[in-house]
Amino acid sequence: MSASAKLREKLAAKKKSIQANSGQRADVMRIPMGKHKFRILPAHKDAADDQFWADFGLHYIKGDEKDATSGRNKVKAVYVCVDKTFEKPCDVCAAIEEAARHASDDEQLELIEEAKCRRAEILLNVVHRNSSDKSNIAQILQMTPTTFEKVIDIMEEYPEMIDPKEGIDLLITREGTGLNTKYNVMPAAKSEPVPDEVLDTMTNLQDFVQQEHEDGLKKALSAVNATVGLLVDRAPTAKAGTKAIASKPTKVEDDMMEVMDDELLDGIEDAEFEEAELKATGTDDAVASTGGGAGDDLDDIDDILADLDDL
């Protein structure tokens, strides 16, 4: 193996490590307003089985500090709900239940109630056909369980729906906002095959939802307990029989703020996250990296890899 090939291997491994430890593995997009054509892709080639979707639930924990513009309580921590995502005991859920027993007024009870993860959202690898700049790569699309149920209904009629060559595209229309948001899903009149190179850009969703990390859990537990004046008196530990959580943060707070839907958290993204966290790309409502940190490291590595390819 040549020196440049060895270096390329090391750099690729380093890039993968940075992505795993920073949470910058992929962006997540919501279904944009209006009518959009999507192709749902099959399971990732490295997936353990043929499940092409992943459940993903998050806790959004607010404090008593108010946003100066909206007047809403600011979010202090965001953390994966292990119960809704993996069907395992969730320390944050337990902390929320305990905090509810110590609440002394209606405001505290409201904050505790809002910290609960009501349900898991559904993540899918898709091709956004009418994207202005990402129509030739796979993206992660987040949708509500009720919308995914409509997708399942279509797949029951078209069993080959997710086949890259023989499958069909879907038209998904989003109308309304907040609790009045509606999604309509129907087969597209015309579909196109998915090139092999697009499949190479897919994200392993089962790896992507592994967002547990000790620092994030500590922050979430502290935020929950702070709503009622409790203190976290010990570091959290992984429960017996479950996978130990990572000690390094995955930047869930930065990169995953958008994994929500309007029906579940009406108005939060508009008032608290949109300007700071989101940057639309073409017709996509995708989360953009907020700059700095691991993103700069990845850019540097990508530049070096590109130079090596030119050798």
Protein backbone atom coordinates (compact mmCIF):
# COMPACT_ATOMS: atom_id res chain seq x y z
CA MET A 1 0.00 0.00 0.00
CA SER A 2 1.40 3.41 -0.96
CA ALA A 3 2.07 6.13 1.60
CA SER A 4 -0.77 8.25 0.25
CA ALA A 5 -3.18 5.29 0.45
CA LYS A 6 -2.20 4.62 4.07
CA LEU A 7 -2.66 8.29 4.91
CA ARG A 8 -6.03 8.30 3.19
CA GLU A 9 -7.10 5.31 5.30
CA LYS A 10 -5.99 7.00 8.51
CA LEU A 11 -7.72 10.25 7.60
CA ALA A 12 -10.93 8.45 6.69
CA ALA A 13 -10.85 6.63 10.03
CA LYS A 14 -10.19 9.90 11.86
CA LYS A 15 -13.10 11.55 10.07
CA LYS A 16 -15.40 8.71 11.09
CA SER A 17 -14.22 9.04 14.70
CA ILE A 18 -14.84 12.80 14.74
CA GLN A 19 -18.30 12.33 13.29
CA ALA A 20 -19.17 9.64 15.82
CA ASN A 21 -18.04 11.76 18.77
CA SER A 22 -19.54 15.05 17.60
CA GLY A 23 -22.97 14.01 16.37
CA GLN A 24 -22.24 15.54 12.95
CA ARG A 25 -23.00 12.32 11.12
CA ALA A 26 -25.83 13.69 9.06
CA ASP A 27 -28.46 16.39 8.95
CA VAL A 28 -32.14 15.70 9.52
CA MET A 29 -34.83 17.39 7.49
CA ARG A 30 -38.53 17.79 8.11
CA ILE A 31 -41.10 17.54 5.36
CA PRO A 32 -41.14 21.04 3.81
CA MET A 33 -44.32 23.01 3.22
CA GLY A 34 -46.11 22.28 -0.05
CA LYS A 35 -45.87 19.26 -2.36
CA HIS A 36 -42.58 17.37 -2.57
CA LYS A 37 -41.45 14.18 -4.25
CA PHE A 38 -39.42 11.69 -2.22
CA ARG A 39 -37.97 8.25 -2.82
CA ILE A 40 -37.71 6.21 0.36
CA LEU A 41 -34.56 4.08 0.37
CA PRO A 42 -34.06 0.55 1.72
CA ALA A 43 -32.08 -0.37 4.82
CA HIS A 44 -28.41 0.61 4.91
CA LYS A 45 -26.04 -2.03 3.58
CA ASP A 46 -24.45 -2.36 7.03
CA ALA A 47 -27.75 -2.60 8.90
CA ALA A 48 -28.39 -5.69 10.99
CA ASP A 49 -31.69 -6.41 9.23
CA ASP A 50 -34.00 -5.03 6.55
CA GLN A 51 -35.66 -2.38 8.75
CA PHE A 52 -35.39 0.80 6.68
CA TRP A 53 -36.60 3.22 9.36
CA ALA A 54 -35.61 4.14 12.92
CA ASP A 55 -37.63 5.41 15.86
CA PHE A 56 -36.14 8.47 17.55
CA GLY A 57 -37.55 10.32 20.56
CA LEU A 58 -36.10 13.35 22.32
CA HIS A 59 -36.62 15.16 25.61
CA TYR A 60 -36.71 18.97 25.35
CA ILE A 61 -36.13 20.33 28.85
CA LYS A 62 -36.88 23.99 29.49
CA GLY A 63 -35.77 26.25 32.33
CA ASP A 64 -37.50 29.19 33.95
CA GLU A 65 -35.52 31.73 31.89
CA LYS A 66 -37.68 33.44 29.29
CA ASP A 67 -36.73 34.30 25.72
CA ALA A 68 -36.68 38.09 25.38
CA THR A 69 -38.41 38.05 21.99
CA SER A 70 -41.00 35.29 22.27
CA GLY A 71 -41.54 35.24 26.02
CA ARG A 72 -41.31 31.44 25.99
CA ASN A 73 -39.16 29.42 28.36
CA LYS A 74 -35.75 28.64 26.90
CA VAL A 75 -34.69 25.05 26.29
CA LYS A 76 -31.81 24.08 28.58
CA ALA A 77 -31.12 20.54 27.43
CA VAL A 78 -32.06 18.10 24.69
CA TYR A 79 -31.48 14.38 25.15
CA VAL A 80 -32.54 11.14 23.54
CA CYS A 81 -35.46 9.33 25.17
CA VAL A 82 -34.13 5.81 25.61
CA ASP A 83 -37.64 4.51 26.26
CA LYS A 84 -39.22 5.82 23.06
CA THR A 85 -36.11 5.15 20.94
CA PHE A 86 -34.90 1.77 22.22
CA GLU A 87 -37.75 0.61 24.51
CA LYS A 88 -35.36 0.56 27.46
CA PRO A 89 -35.59 2.21 30.91
CA CYS A 90 -34.94 5.94 30.52
CA ASP A 91 -33.13 7.87 33.28
CA VAL A 92 -34.57 11.16 32.04
CA CYS A 93 -38.13 9.80 32.13
CA ALA A 94 -37.50 8.60 35.69
CA ALA A 95 -36.11 12.01 36.67
CA ILE A 96 -39.17 13.72 35.19
CA GLU A 97 -41.48 11.48 37.22
CA GLU A 98 -39.50 12.22 40.38
CA ALA A 99 -39.49 15.96 39.69
CA ALA A 100 -43.27 15.91 39.26
CA ARG A 101 -43.60 14.63 42.82
CA HIS A 102 -41.64 17.65 44.09
CA ALA A 103 -43.34 20.34 41.99
CA SER A 104 -44.74 23.15 44.11
CA ASP A 105 -46.68 25.22 41.57
CA ASP A 106 -48.40 25.09 38.19
CA GLU A 107 -45.43 26.63 36.33
CA GLN A 108 -43.12 23.86 37.52
CA LEU A 109 -45.68 21.22 36.59
CA GLU A 110 -45.98 22.73 33.11
CA LEU A 111 -42.20 22.65 32.57
CA ILE A 112 -42.08 19.04 33.73
CA GLU A 113 -44.96 18.10 31.45
CA GLU A 114 -43.25 19.71 28.45
CA ALA A 115 -40.03 17.79 29.18
CA LYS A 116 -41.76 14.46 28.55
CA CYS A 117 -41.13 12.68 25.27
CA ARG A 118 -44.62 11.97 23.99
CA ARG A 119 -43.62 9.69 21.16
CA ALA A 120 -40.81 8.71 18.85
CA GLU A 121 -40.58 10.29 15.43
CA ILE A 122 -39.70 8.18 12.38
CA LEU A 123 -36.40 8.63 10.54
CA LEU A 124 -35.93 7.47 6.94
CA ASN A 125 -33.24 7.63 4.29
CA VAL A 126 -34.75 9.40 1.29
CA VAL A 127 -33.92 11.13 -1.96
CA HIS A 128 -35.63 14.52 -2.16
CA ARG A 129 -36.35 14.59 -5.89
CA ASN A 130 -37.19 18.29 -6.20
CA SER A 131 -34.44 19.58 -3.95
CA SER A 132 -32.50 22.40 -5.56
CA ASP A 133 -29.11 21.14 -4.40
CA LYS A 134 -29.46 17.68 -2.81
CA SER A 135 -31.45 15.64 -5.31
CA ASN A 136 -28.52 13.27 -5.93
CA ILE A 137 -27.71 12.35 -2.34
CA ALA A 138 -29.52 10.52 0.44
CA GLN A 139 -30.89 12.58 3.31
CA ILE A 140 -32.52 11.68 6.61
CA LEU A 141 -36.19 12.64 6.65
CA GLN A 142 -38.14 12.92 9.90
CA MET A 143 -41.88 12.33 9.90
CA THR A 144 -44.68 11.72 12.36
CA PRO A 145 -45.89 8.19 13.09
CA THR A 146 -49.26 9.01 11.52
CA THR A 147 -47.54 10.11 8.31
CA PHE A 148 -45.43 6.95 8.32
CA GLU A 149 -48.60 4.92 8.71
CA LYS A 150 -49.76 6.37 5.39
CA VAL A 151 -46.43 5.32 3.86
CA ILE A 152 -46.97 1.79 5.17
CA ASP A 153 -50.43 1.70 3.61
CA ILE A 154 -48.91 2.51 0.21
CA MET A 155 -46.15 -0.07 0.68
CA GLU A 156 -48.77 -2.73 1.35
CA GLU A 157 -50.13 -1.98 -2.11
CA TYR A 158 -46.69 -1.57 -3.72
CA PRO A 159 -44.41 -4.14 -1.98
CA GLU A 160 -41.39 -3.08 -4.08
CA MET A 161 -41.82 0.58 -3.09
CA ILE A 162 -38.34 0.98 -1.57
CA ASP A 163 -36.48 -1.05 -4.20
CA PRO A 164 -33.87 1.30 -5.75
CA LYS A 165 -34.58 0.11 -9.29
CA GLU A 166 -38.17 -1.13 -9.30
CA GLY A 167 -39.64 1.01 -6.52
CA ILE A 168 -41.81 4.11 -6.69
CA ASP A 169 -41.51 7.74 -5.67
CA LEU A 170 -43.98 9.32 -3.25
CA LEU A 171 -45.64 12.72 -3.27
CA ILE A 172 -45.93 14.14 0.24
CA THR A 173 -47.88 17.35 0.75
CA ARG A 174 -47.63 19.39 3.94
CA GLU A 175 -50.25 22.00 4.74
CA GLY A 176 -50.97 24.13 7.79
CA THR A 177 -48.91 24.79 10.92
CA GLY A 178 -48.88 23.70 14.53
CA LEU A 179 -51.77 21.49 15.56
CA ASN A 180 -53.40 22.15 12.19
CA THR A 181 -50.54 20.59 10.21
CA LYS A 182 -51.70 17.95 7.73
CA TYR A 183 -49.68 15.53 5.60
CA ASN A 184 -50.97 13.76 2.51
CA VAL A 185 -49.02 10.86 1.00
CA MET A 186 -49.66 9.31 -2.42
CA PRO A 187 -47.71 7.42 -5.11
CA ALA A 188 -46.11 9.62 -7.75
CA ALA A 189 -47.39 9.29 -11.31
CA LYS A 190 -43.82 8.87 -12.55
CA SER A 191 -40.81 7.38 -10.76
CA GLU A 192 -37.11 7.10 -11.54
CA PRO A 193 -34.57 4.49 -10.41
CA VAL A 194 -32.02 5.42 -7.75
CA PRO A 195 -28.37 5.34 -8.93
CA ASP A 196 -25.96 3.14 -6.98
CA GLU A 197 -23.83 6.13 -6.06
CA VAL A 198 -26.78 7.66 -4.21
CA LEU A 199 -27.08 4.53 -2.07
CA ASP A 200 -23.46 5.03 -1.05
CA THR A 201 -24.44 8.31 0.63
CA MET A 202 -27.01 6.72 2.95
CA THR A 203 -26.75 6.94 6.74
CA ASN A 204 -27.01 3.86 8.91
CA LEU A 205 -30.04 4.98 10.92
CA GLN A 206 -29.54 2.43 13.67
CA ASP A 207 -26.10 3.91 14.31
CA PHE A 208 -27.40 7.46 13.96
CA VAL A 209 -29.91 7.16 16.81
CA GLN A 210 -27.20 6.04 19.22
CA GLN A 211 -27.13 9.49 20.80
CA GLU A 212 -26.51 8.52 24.43
CA HIS A 213 -23.56 10.14 26.18
CA GLU A 214 -22.74 10.72 29.82
CA ASP A 215 -22.24 14.49 29.66
CA GLY A 216 -25.53 14.99 27.86
CA LEU A 217 -27.37 12.79 30.36
CA LYS A 218 -25.90 14.73 33.28
CA LYS A 219 -26.98 17.99 31.67
CA ALA A 220 -30.49 16.69 31.03
CA LEU A 221 -30.90 15.35 34.56
CA SER A 222 -29.61 18.60 36.04
CA ALA A 223 -32.04 20.59 33.89
CA VAL A 224 -34.98 18.41 34.96
CA ASN A 225 -34.11 18.62 38.64
CA ALA A 226 -33.48 22.36 38.44
CA THR A 227 -37.12 22.92 37.52
CA VAL A 228 -38.10 21.95 41.07
CA GLY A 229 -34.88 22.86 42.91
CA LEU A 230 -33.41 19.36 43.22
CA LEU A 231 -29.73 18.52 42.85
CA VAL A 232 -28.10 15.63 41.00
CA ASP A 233 -26.08 13.97 43.75
CA ARG A 234 -24.32 11.33 41.70
CA ALA A 235 -23.08 10.67 38.19
CA PRO A 236 -25.47 8.57 36.09
CA THR A 237 -24.52 5.01 35.28
CA ALA A 238 -25.73 2.66 32.59
CA LYS A 239 -28.40 0.27 33.83
CA ALA A 240 -27.62 -3.44 34.12
CA GLY A 241 -28.13 -5.29 30.88
CA THR A 242 -27.93 -2.16 28.74
CA LYS A 243 -25.13 -0.78 26.64
CA ALA A 244 -22.88 1.64 28.52
CA ILE A 245 -23.20 5.18 27.28
CA ALA A 246 -20.33 7.09 25.74
CA SER A 247 -18.34 9.52 27.85
CA LYS A 248 -17.99 12.08 25.06
CA PRO A 249 -20.82 14.35 23.91
CA THR A 250 -22.46 13.88 20.54
CA LYS A 251 -23.71 17.47 20.20
CA VAL A 252 -27.34 16.39 20.33
CA GLU A 253 -28.20 19.87 21.57
CA ASP A 254 -26.78 21.46 18.42
CA ASP A 255 -27.45 19.01 15.62
CA MET A 256 -30.70 17.36 16.67
CA MET A 257 -32.79 20.38 17.72
CA GLU A 258 -34.81 19.97 14.54
CA VAL A 259 -35.92 16.38 15.15
CA MET A 260 -39.41 17.43 16.16
CA ASP A 261 -42.64 18.24 14.39
CA ASP A 262 -45.06 21.13 14.68
CA GLU A 263 -47.85 18.95 16.04
CA LEU A 264 -45.68 17.85 18.95
CA LEU A 265 -43.96 21.12 19.88
CA ASP A 266 -46.08 23.90 18.40
CA GLY A 267 -44.07 27.02 17.75
CA ILE A 268 -40.83 26.05 19.52
CA GLU A 269 -38.70 25.92 16.39
CA ASP A 270 -40.04 29.25 15.17
CA ALA A 271 -39.36 31.13 18.39
CA GLU A 272 -36.31 29.49 19.89
CA PHE A 273 -34.29 27.54 17.35
CA GLU A 274 -34.98 28.73 13.83
CA GLU A 275 -32.60 31.69 13.62
CA ALA A 276 -29.83 30.11 15.67
CA GLU A 277 -29.96 26.50 14.53
CA LEU A 278 -31.51 26.23 11.08
CA LYS A 279 -30.41 27.18 7.60
CA ALA A 280 -32.58 26.18 4.68
CA THR A 281 -30.76 24.66 1.72
CA GLY A 282 -32.68 25.00 -1.51
CA THR A 283 -36.12 23.54 -0.96
CA ASP A 284 -34.95 21.53 2.05
CA ASP A 285 -35.84 22.26 5.67
CA ALA A 286 -32.58 20.65 6.76
CA VAL A 287 -30.53 21.35 9.82
CA ALA A 288 -27.25 23.04 8.96
CA SER A 289 -24.09 22.65 10.99
CA THR A 290 -23.68 25.65 13.23
CA GLY A 291 -20.01 26.09 12.42
CA GLY A 292 -16.84 25.73 14.42
CA GLY A 293 -15.73 22.76 16.50
CA ALA A 294 -15.84 19.38 14.82
CA GLY A 295 -17.19 20.85 11.60
CA ASP A 296 -13.96 22.73 10.98
CA ASP A 297 -11.95 19.56 11.65
CA LEU A 298 -14.05 17.64 9.12
CA ASP A 299 -13.62 20.36 6.52
CA ASP A 300 -9.84 20.19 6.94
CA ILE A 301 -9.83 16.41 6.59
CA ASP A 302 -12.07 16.57 3.51
CA ASP A 303 -9.64 19.04 1.91
CA ILE A 304 -6.69 16.72 2.56
CA LEU A 305 -8.57 13.71 1.19
CA ALA A 306 -9.43 15.68 -1.94
CA ASP A 307 -5.77 16.59 -2.41
CA LEU A 308 -4.77 12.93 -2.05
CA ASP A 309 -7.30 11.92 -4.70
CA ASP A 310 -5.55 14.29 -7.10
CA LEU A 311 -2.17 12.64 -6.59
